[in-house]
Protein backbone atom coordinates (compact mmCIF):
# COMPACT_ATOMS: atom_id res chain seq x y z
CA MET A 1 29.39 -7.60 27.64
CA LYS A 2 28.44 -5.94 24.38
CA LYS A 3 25.23 -3.93 24.27
CA ILE A 4 23.31 -4.45 21.12
CA ALA A 5 20.05 -2.71 20.09
CA TYR A 6 17.58 -3.61 17.38
CA ILE A 7 15.37 -0.97 15.80
CA ILE A 8 12.16 -2.37 14.14
CA PRO A 9 8.93 -0.65 13.15
CA ASN A 10 6.62 -3.11 14.94
CA TYR A 11 6.71 -6.54 16.46
CA ASP A 12 3.26 -7.88 15.57
CA ASP A 13 3.33 -9.21 12.06
CA GLY A 14 5.62 -9.94 9.04
CA GLY A 15 8.91 -11.55 8.20
CA MET A 16 11.22 -9.10 9.92
CA PRO A 17 9.96 -9.83 13.44
CA ARG A 18 10.36 -13.53 12.75
CA VAL A 19 13.91 -13.03 11.78
CA LEU A 20 14.64 -10.93 14.81
CA GLU A 21 12.99 -13.47 17.09
CA SER A 22 15.40 -16.16 15.91
CA LEU A 23 18.39 -13.75 16.20
CA SER A 24 17.41 -12.49 19.63
CA LEU A 25 16.85 -15.93 21.11
CA GLY A 26 19.95 -17.36 19.42
CA LEU A 27 22.56 -14.92 20.75
CA ASN A 28 24.58 -15.99 23.72
CA ASP A 29 25.13 -14.22 27.04
CA LYS A 30 27.84 -12.04 25.71
CA TYR A 31 25.39 -9.66 24.46
CA GLN A 32 22.98 -7.46 26.47
CA GLN A 33 19.97 -6.95 24.06
CA TYR A 34 17.58 -4.08 23.56
CA LEU A 35 14.41 -4.13 21.32
CA ILE A 36 13.49 -0.67 20.10
CA VAL A 37 10.02 -0.68 18.62
CA LEU A 38 9.20 2.50 16.57
CA ILE A 39 5.39 2.15 16.73
CA LYS A 40 4.21 2.30 20.30
CA GLY A 41 1.11 0.41 21.30
CA ARG A 42 0.99 -2.50 18.88
CA ASP A 43 0.86 -6.15 19.92
CA PHE A 44 4.02 -8.26 20.47
CA ASN A 45 3.39 -11.55 18.76
CA PHE A 46 6.96 -12.89 18.58
CA ARG A 47 9.41 -13.91 21.31
CA TYR A 48 12.52 -11.96 22.28
CA ASN A 49 15.42 -11.96 24.72
CA ALA A 50 15.79 -8.19 25.27
CA LYS A 51 14.65 -5.11 27.18
CA VAL A 52 11.87 -3.54 25.34
CA ILE A 53 11.66 0.27 24.49
CA GLU A 54 8.71 1.67 22.60
CA ILE A 55 9.07 5.07 20.96
CA LEU A 56 5.91 6.83 19.53
CA GLU A 57 2.35 6.05 18.42
CA GLU A 58 1.74 5.71 14.66
CA GLY A 59 0.88 8.85 12.76
CA THR A 60 -2.28 9.23 10.43
CA SER A 61 -1.79 12.12 7.97
CA TYR A 62 1.30 12.59 5.80
CA LEU A 63 2.32 15.71 7.80
CA ASP A 64 1.70 13.84 11.09
CA LYS A 65 3.93 10.85 9.89
CA SER A 66 6.67 13.12 8.68
CA TRP A 67 6.71 15.00 12.08
CA ILE A 68 6.81 11.63 13.98
CA PHE A 69 9.66 10.32 11.71
CA PHE A 70 11.89 13.27 12.66
CA LYS A 71 10.70 13.04 16.42
CA ARG A 72 11.84 9.37 16.44
CA ILE A 73 15.29 10.29 15.18
CA GLN A 74 15.59 12.71 18.05
CA LYS A 75 14.37 10.18 20.65
CA ILE A 76 16.65 7.43 19.43
CA ARG A 77 19.67 9.84 19.29
CA GLU A 78 19.04 10.54 22.92
CA LEU A 79 18.64 6.89 23.78
CA LYS A 80 21.89 5.91 22.04
CA LYS A 81 23.74 8.69 23.93
CA LYS A 82 22.27 7.46 27.27
CA GLU A 83 22.72 3.72 26.78
CA LYS A 84 26.02 3.83 24.81
CA PHE A 85 25.20 0.79 22.68
CA ASP A 86 28.16 -0.94 20.93
CA ILE A 87 25.92 -2.06 17.93
CA VAL A 88 22.64 -0.86 16.62
CA LEU A 89 21.01 -3.13 13.95
CA SER A 90 17.83 -1.93 12.26
CA PHE A 91 15.18 -3.68 10.15
CA GLY A 92 13.56 -2.14 7.02
CA VAL A 93 13.94 1.19 5.37
CA ALA A 94 12.21 3.49 7.95
CA ALA A 95 14.12 1.99 10.76
CA ASN A 96 17.36 2.01 8.77
CA LEU A 97 17.15 5.69 7.95
CA ILE A 98 16.39 6.62 11.63
CA ASN A 99 19.40 4.38 12.70
CA VAL A 100 21.72 6.24 10.36
CA LEU A 101 20.45 9.74 11.01
CA SER A 102 20.62 9.21 14.80
CA ARG A 103 24.14 7.68 14.91
CA GLY A 104 26.64 8.37 17.55
CA GLN A 105 29.79 6.31 18.44
CA GLU A 106 28.00 2.97 17.90
CA LYS A 107 28.49 0.60 15.00
CA VAL A 108 25.53 1.07 12.60
CA LEU A 109 24.12 -1.92 10.85
CA LEU A 110 21.18 -1.82 8.42
CA SER A 111 19.16 -4.80 7.17
CA GLU A 112 17.15 -4.63 4.01
CA HIS A 113 14.46 -7.21 3.52
CA ASN A 114 12.87 -6.20 0.15
CA VAL A 115 13.80 -5.08 -3.28
CA LYS A 116 13.60 -1.33 -2.71
CA SER A 117 13.59 -0.24 -6.34
CA ILE A 118 10.38 -2.23 -6.78
CA GLU A 119 8.74 -1.66 -3.46
CA ASN A 120 9.42 2.07 -3.22
CA LYS A 121 7.60 2.53 -6.55
CA ALA A 122 4.44 0.94 -5.08
CA TRP A 123 4.61 3.36 -2.18
CA GLY A 124 4.11 6.54 -4.28
CA LEU A 125 5.24 9.73 -2.54
CA TYR A 126 6.57 7.86 0.49
CA GLY A 127 8.58 5.76 -1.85
CA PHE A 128 10.09 8.80 -3.65
CA PHE A 129 10.98 10.21 -0.22
CA TYR A 130 12.63 6.98 0.75
CA ASN A 131 14.54 6.66 -2.52
CA PHE A 132 16.03 10.05 -2.01
CA LEU A 133 17.08 9.43 1.60
CA MET A 134 18.49 5.83 0.84
CA LYS A 135 20.72 7.16 -1.93
CA LYS A 136 21.97 9.93 0.41
CA TYR A 137 22.31 8.07 3.77
CA TYR A 138 22.55 4.35 3.26
CA LYS A 139 26.17 4.64 2.33
CA LYS A 140 26.96 6.18 5.74
CA ALA A 141 26.15 2.93 7.52
CA ASP A 142 29.07 0.66 8.64
CA GLN A 143 27.53 -2.37 6.99
CA ILE A 144 24.27 -3.36 5.19
CA ILE A 145 22.87 -6.77 5.51
CA THR A 146 20.52 -8.07 2.83
CA VAL A 147 18.43 -11.21 2.90
CA SER A 148 18.95 -12.25 -0.65
CA GLU A 149 21.69 -11.74 -3.28
CA PHE A 150 19.18 -10.00 -5.57
CA ILE A 151 18.59 -7.28 -3.05
CA LYS A 152 22.28 -6.78 -2.64
CA GLU A 153 22.59 -6.21 -6.48
CA ASP A 154 19.61 -3.95 -6.37
CA LEU A 155 21.28 -1.70 -3.70
CA ILE A 156 24.49 -1.63 -5.72
CA THR A 157 22.81 -0.92 -9.12
CA ASN A 158 20.00 1.56 -8.08
CA TYR A 159 21.45 3.12 -4.90
CA SER A 160 25.23 3.36 -5.73
CA ILE A 161 26.26 1.54 -2.61
CA GLU A 162 29.72 -0.10 -2.53
CA ARG A 163 29.68 -3.78 -2.95
CA LYS A 164 32.20 -4.26 -0.10
CA LYS A 165 29.73 -2.60 2.26
CA ILE A 166 27.00 -5.18 1.69
CA VAL A 167 26.81 -8.73 2.92
CA THR A 168 24.00 -11.30 2.35
CA ILE A 169 22.81 -13.28 5.31
CA TYR A 170 19.85 -15.58 4.53
CA ASN A 171 17.06 -15.61 7.09
CA GLY A 172 17.23 -18.35 9.67
CA PHE A 173 14.59 -20.49 11.14
CA ASP A 174 14.24 -22.60 14.27
CA ILE A 175 13.05 -25.67 12.43
CA ASP A 176 12.75 -28.03 15.39
CA ASN A 177 10.45 -25.48 17.12
CA MET A 178 8.33 -25.10 14.01
CA ILE A 179 7.79 -28.86 13.78
CA LYS A 180 6.97 -28.95 17.50
CA LEU A 181 4.48 -25.99 17.05
CA SER A 182 2.75 -27.76 14.15
CA GLU A 183 1.57 -30.54 16.46
CA GLU A 184 -0.94 -28.09 18.15
CA LYS A 185 -4.49 -29.24 17.44
CA LEU A 186 -6.85 -27.19 15.34
CA ASN A 187 -10.47 -26.75 16.56
CA ILE A 188 -13.27 -28.63 14.78
CA LYS A 189 -14.39 -25.75 12.71
CA GLU A 190 -10.77 -25.12 11.57
CA LYS A 191 -10.18 -28.83 10.85
CA ASN A 192 -13.47 -28.99 8.72
CA SER A 193 -11.80 -26.37 6.26
CA TYR A 194 -9.32 -29.13 5.38
CA THR A 195 -11.80 -31.73 4.18
CA GLY A 196 -10.74 -32.90 0.77
CA SER A 197 -7.73 -31.43 -1.11
CA CYS A 198 -6.22 -28.24 0.26
CA LEU A 199 -3.96 -25.39 -0.87
CA ILE A 200 -2.57 -22.91 1.69
CA ASN A 201 -1.11 -19.34 1.26
CA ILE A 202 0.30 -17.18 4.04
CA GLY A 203 0.85 -13.51 3.83
CA ARG A 204 -0.61 -9.98 4.50
CA LEU A 205 -3.68 -9.32 2.52
CA GLU A 206 -2.01 -6.60 0.43
CA LYS A 207 -1.38 -6.02 -3.20
CA GLN A 208 2.30 -7.27 -2.94
CA LYS A 209 1.14 -10.81 -2.01
CA GLY A 210 -1.08 -11.31 -5.03
CA GLN A 211 -3.64 -13.54 -3.46
CA TRP A 212 -6.33 -12.46 -6.00
CA HIS A 213 -4.63 -14.68 -8.52
CA LEU A 214 -5.21 -17.76 -6.36
CA ILE A 215 -8.88 -16.85 -5.93
CA ARG A 216 -9.23 -16.27 -9.77
CA ILE A 217 -7.86 -19.64 -10.70
CA MET A 218 -10.17 -21.51 -8.18
CA PRO A 219 -13.09 -22.16 -10.59
CA TYR A 220 -10.53 -23.52 -13.13
CA LEU A 221 -9.03 -25.82 -10.61
CA LEU A 222 -12.41 -26.95 -9.25
CA LYS A 223 -13.33 -28.52 -12.57
CA LYS A 224 -10.34 -30.85 -12.10
CA VAL A 225 -10.12 -31.24 -8.26
CA VAL A 226 -13.76 -31.07 -7.13
CA ASP A 227 -13.04 -31.19 -3.39
CA LEU A 228 -10.38 -28.46 -3.42
CA ASN A 229 -10.07 -25.81 -0.72
CA LEU A 230 -7.91 -22.67 -0.49
CA ILE A 231 -6.83 -21.53 2.96
CA ILE A 232 -5.38 -17.96 3.27
CA LEU A 233 -3.73 -16.88 6.49
CA GLY A 234 -3.22 -13.20 7.16
CA ASP A 235 -4.82 -9.85 7.67
CA GLY A 236 -4.65 -6.68 5.66
CA ILE A 237 -6.25 -3.83 3.69
CA GLU A 238 -7.24 -6.00 0.69
CA LYS A 239 -9.40 -8.50 2.67
CA GLU A 240 -12.88 -7.08 1.68
CA LYS A 241 -11.71 -6.84 -2.02
CA LEU A 242 -10.60 -10.39 -1.93
CA GLU A 243 -13.80 -11.62 -0.13
CA LYS A 244 -15.87 -9.83 -2.78
CA LEU A 245 -13.86 -11.49 -5.61
CA SER A 246 -14.46 -14.97 -4.10
CA LYS A 247 -18.23 -14.24 -3.98
CA LYS A 248 -18.20 -12.93 -7.56
CA LEU A 249 -16.56 -16.15 -8.73
CA GLN A 250 -18.91 -18.19 -6.51
CA VAL A 251 -16.09 -19.98 -4.69
CA GLU A 252 -16.69 -18.31 -1.23
CA ASP A 253 -17.41 -21.67 0.31
CA ARG A 254 -14.13 -22.95 -1.07
CA VAL A 255 -11.90 -20.00 0.04
CA GLN A 256 -11.32 -19.64 3.82
CA PHE A 257 -9.89 -16.38 5.27
CA VAL A 258 -8.42 -17.46 8.48
CA GLY A 259 -6.76 -14.14 9.64
CA PHE A 260 -3.35 -13.69 11.20
CA LYS A 261 -2.20 -16.66 13.41
CA LYS A 262 0.61 -16.50 15.90
CA ASN A 263 1.24 -20.20 15.19
CA PRO A 264 0.61 -20.87 11.47
CA TYR A 265 2.33 -24.28 11.50
CA PRO A 266 -0.71 -26.53 12.26
CA TYR A 267 -2.48 -24.95 9.32
CA ILE A 268 0.42 -25.59 7.06
CA LYS A 269 0.79 -29.15 8.29
CA GLU A 270 -2.83 -29.96 7.41
CA ALA A 271 -2.52 -28.66 3.78
CA ASP A 272 -1.42 -30.56 0.76
CA ILE A 273 0.41 -27.79 -1.23
CA PHE A 274 1.78 -24.38 -0.30
CA VAL A 275 1.32 -21.81 -2.97
CA PHE A 276 3.35 -18.53 -2.91
CA SER A 277 1.71 -15.92 -5.05
CA SER A 278 3.72 -12.65 -4.43
CA ILE A 279 4.20 -10.05 -6.97
CA TYR A 280 7.66 -9.06 -5.36
CA GLU A 281 9.39 -10.13 -2.22
CA GLY A 282 12.72 -9.77 -0.38
CA PHE A 283 13.18 -13.32 0.58
CA GLY A 284 9.95 -15.31 1.17
CA ASN A 285 10.16 -16.63 4.74
CA VAL A 286 6.90 -18.70 4.44
CA LEU A 287 8.44 -20.87 1.78
CA ILE A 288 11.01 -22.13 4.29
CA GLU A 289 8.34 -22.57 6.94
CA ALA A 290 6.24 -24.65 4.68
CA MET A 291 9.30 -26.66 3.35
CA SER A 292 10.42 -27.36 6.95
CA LEU A 293 7.11 -29.28 7.34
CA GLY A 294 7.60 -31.27 4.19
CA LYS A 295 5.08 -29.35 2.07
CA PRO A 296 5.68 -29.24 -1.67
CA VAL A 297 5.77 -25.59 -2.78
CA ILE A 298 4.81 -23.74 -5.89
CA SER A 299 6.07 -20.22 -6.20
CA THR A 300 6.16 -17.25 -8.48
CA ASP A 301 9.49 -16.47 -9.85
CA CYS A 302 9.20 -12.92 -8.42
CA LYS A 303 12.06 -10.66 -7.40
CA ALA A 304 13.50 -11.72 -5.14
CA GLY A 305 14.02 -14.69 -2.92
CA PRO A 306 12.12 -17.76 -4.29
CA ARG A 307 14.69 -18.69 -7.04
CA GLU A 308 17.46 -18.52 -4.48
CA ILE A 309 15.49 -20.70 -2.10
CA LEU A 310 14.29 -23.33 -4.67
CA GLN A 311 17.47 -23.57 -6.75
CA ASN A 312 20.95 -24.74 -5.83
CA LYS A 313 22.69 -22.46 -8.25
CA LEU A 314 22.44 -18.61 -8.18
CA GLU A 315 20.64 -17.32 -11.26
CA LEU A 316 19.81 -13.67 -10.42
CA ASP A 317 19.13 -12.60 -14.09
CA LYS A 318 17.06 -15.61 -15.15
CA SER A 319 13.31 -15.11 -15.91
CA ILE A 320 10.88 -17.70 -17.14
CA CYS A 321 7.79 -17.82 -19.23
CA GLU A 322 6.83 -21.45 -18.52
CA MET A 323 6.60 -23.75 -15.52
CA GLU A 324 10.01 -24.66 -14.17
CA PHE A 325 10.82 -27.79 -12.11
CA ALA A 326 13.46 -26.30 -9.85
CA ASP A 327 15.59 -28.33 -7.52
CA TYR A 328 13.30 -27.98 -4.42
CA GLY A 329 10.00 -26.87 -5.78
CA ILE A 330 8.12 -25.57 -8.84
CA LEU A 331 8.72 -21.99 -10.07
CA VAL A 332 6.07 -20.25 -12.38
CA PRO A 333 6.30 -16.96 -14.13
CA ALA A 334 5.84 -13.76 -12.11
CA LEU A 335 2.13 -12.74 -11.95
CA GLU A 336 0.52 -9.58 -13.02
CA SER A 337 0.77 -6.66 -10.54
CA ASP A 338 -2.69 -5.05 -11.28
CA PHE A 339 -5.66 -6.42 -9.36
CA MET A 340 -7.96 -8.35 -11.63
CA LYS A 341 -11.68 -8.76 -11.19
CA GLY A 342 -13.67 -11.95 -11.67
CA ASP A 343 -14.98 -11.02 -15.12
CA ILE A 344 -11.56 -10.90 -16.72
CA ILE A 345 -10.36 -14.16 -18.38
CA LEU A 346 -7.34 -15.99 -16.87
CA THR A 347 -4.04 -14.74 -18.03
CA LYS A 348 -1.40 -16.99 -19.47
CA ASN A 349 0.64 -16.84 -16.26
CA GLU A 350 -2.33 -17.67 -14.14
CA LYS A 351 -3.06 -20.76 -16.23
CA ILE A 352 0.52 -21.77 -15.75
CA LEU A 353 0.14 -21.47 -12.01
CA ALA A 354 -3.11 -23.51 -12.09
CA ASP A 355 -1.42 -26.23 -14.16
CA ALA A 356 1.52 -26.43 -11.80
CA ILE A 357 -0.98 -27.04 -8.91
CA LEU A 358 -2.73 -29.81 -10.84
CA LYS A 359 0.72 -31.31 -11.79
CA LEU A 360 1.43 -31.92 -8.04
CA PHE A 361 -2.03 -33.21 -7.31
CA TYR A 362 -1.98 -35.75 -10.27
CA ASP A 363 1.82 -36.71 -10.15
CA LYS A 364 2.24 -38.56 -6.98
CA GLU A 365 5.89 -39.26 -7.63
CA LYS A 366 6.70 -35.63 -8.15
CA TYR A 367 4.71 -34.79 -5.04
CA LYS A 368 6.67 -37.15 -3.02
CA GLU A 369 9.91 -35.99 -4.47
CA TYR A 370 9.39 -32.33 -3.67
CA SER A 371 8.06 -33.18 -0.20
CA LEU A 372 11.29 -34.95 0.69
CA LYS A 373 13.58 -32.30 -0.98
CA ALA A 374 11.54 -29.55 0.85
CA LYS A 375 12.66 -30.83 4.23
CA GLU A 376 16.31 -31.28 2.98
CA ARG A 377 16.51 -27.71 1.66
CA ALA A 378 14.94 -26.09 4.79
CA LEU A 379 17.84 -27.27 6.94
CA TYR A 380 20.14 -25.04 4.96
CA PHE A 381 18.28 -22.08 6.34
CA SER A 382 18.60 -22.94 10.05
CA SER A 383 18.63 -20.14 12.64
CA LYS A 384 21.91 -21.55 13.92
CA ASN A 385 23.66 -20.66 10.61
CA MET A 386 22.10 -17.25 10.54
CA VAL A 387 23.06 -16.38 14.06
CA GLU A 388 26.70 -17.49 13.51
CA ASN A 389 26.89 -15.11 10.46
CA TYR A 390 25.49 -12.29 12.51
CA ILE A 391 27.94 -12.91 15.34
CA LYS A 392 30.89 -12.76 12.83
CA LEU A 393 29.52 -9.34 11.68
CA PHE A 394 29.11 -8.14 15.35
């Protein structure tokens, strides 16, 4: 029996734990699994089939976090030596670097879930530190898995990693289970949020996710769809700023901040349209989750993920300046990355996003078409396909 360990920063929120959940539950009994969580003391909001090992509490200051980073390397090196894992697969840049720097005799696999040349710039000093270490150490891994082709090209171009060392495995989803979970009933208060027409967005309340654009276009949309509501699922550091923006624009009674939900699927099911507003991404898990429930989706054509999900053909270098009716949903131009207050007029790209939403509300044939195609496309990203690809790699 092969011993496989996963290293992940936390298991409470985000796309990486969702992917690991599908992988852990999908592997057969030929593997003895271990879940190594770097940040000790956080909630576990996803399922797993593994022995859990937590490492250290989260640091606060820069010096504290730096010391903890190197302490984690030491602890995991000792753990690898003790347990003699056959394979260690890590998720995200911090875990990936710790995995490489603690390597022993095991096969070291890294998985990258974001466009690091974009994300690291947004991280300031931490991003500079990660860029330096990635260029130096990522090439020492046995294999690197990316969740989109665009991320693969980013690692080749900006981090000088050999193409043959990188493989793309798209994230997989347990679609039957998501449909089953969507049947859970909402309480009366939650149900009341869905009176009338409804948009939904799911994501951490952070700058990367761009939810302020959705709030800014609400007054424009309400002139055309008077009963419109916007439901936002997720928590994060930008929550207070987003709430203030909704009050400034006098749409606070139309924008509902629901918080993080272990089971987001009943909320998706009740909505009319799923809107993805990210400034940048690695893949865009929530697009597949919404599509599996037959929701028409509108997404920014950000780097990376959405275009690979919504189009049959691979068009990594394409960028758009108008609305695009893709094979499985609507793509709109990437949105501005700087937070905009309520007293700034709508940008061209925000108006295109708003018009795409209105298009789906008014064009019933197009709405029906994308609803059916969404379900069809979601099947391509099944957890079974993903697990089979990982098993080949193992």
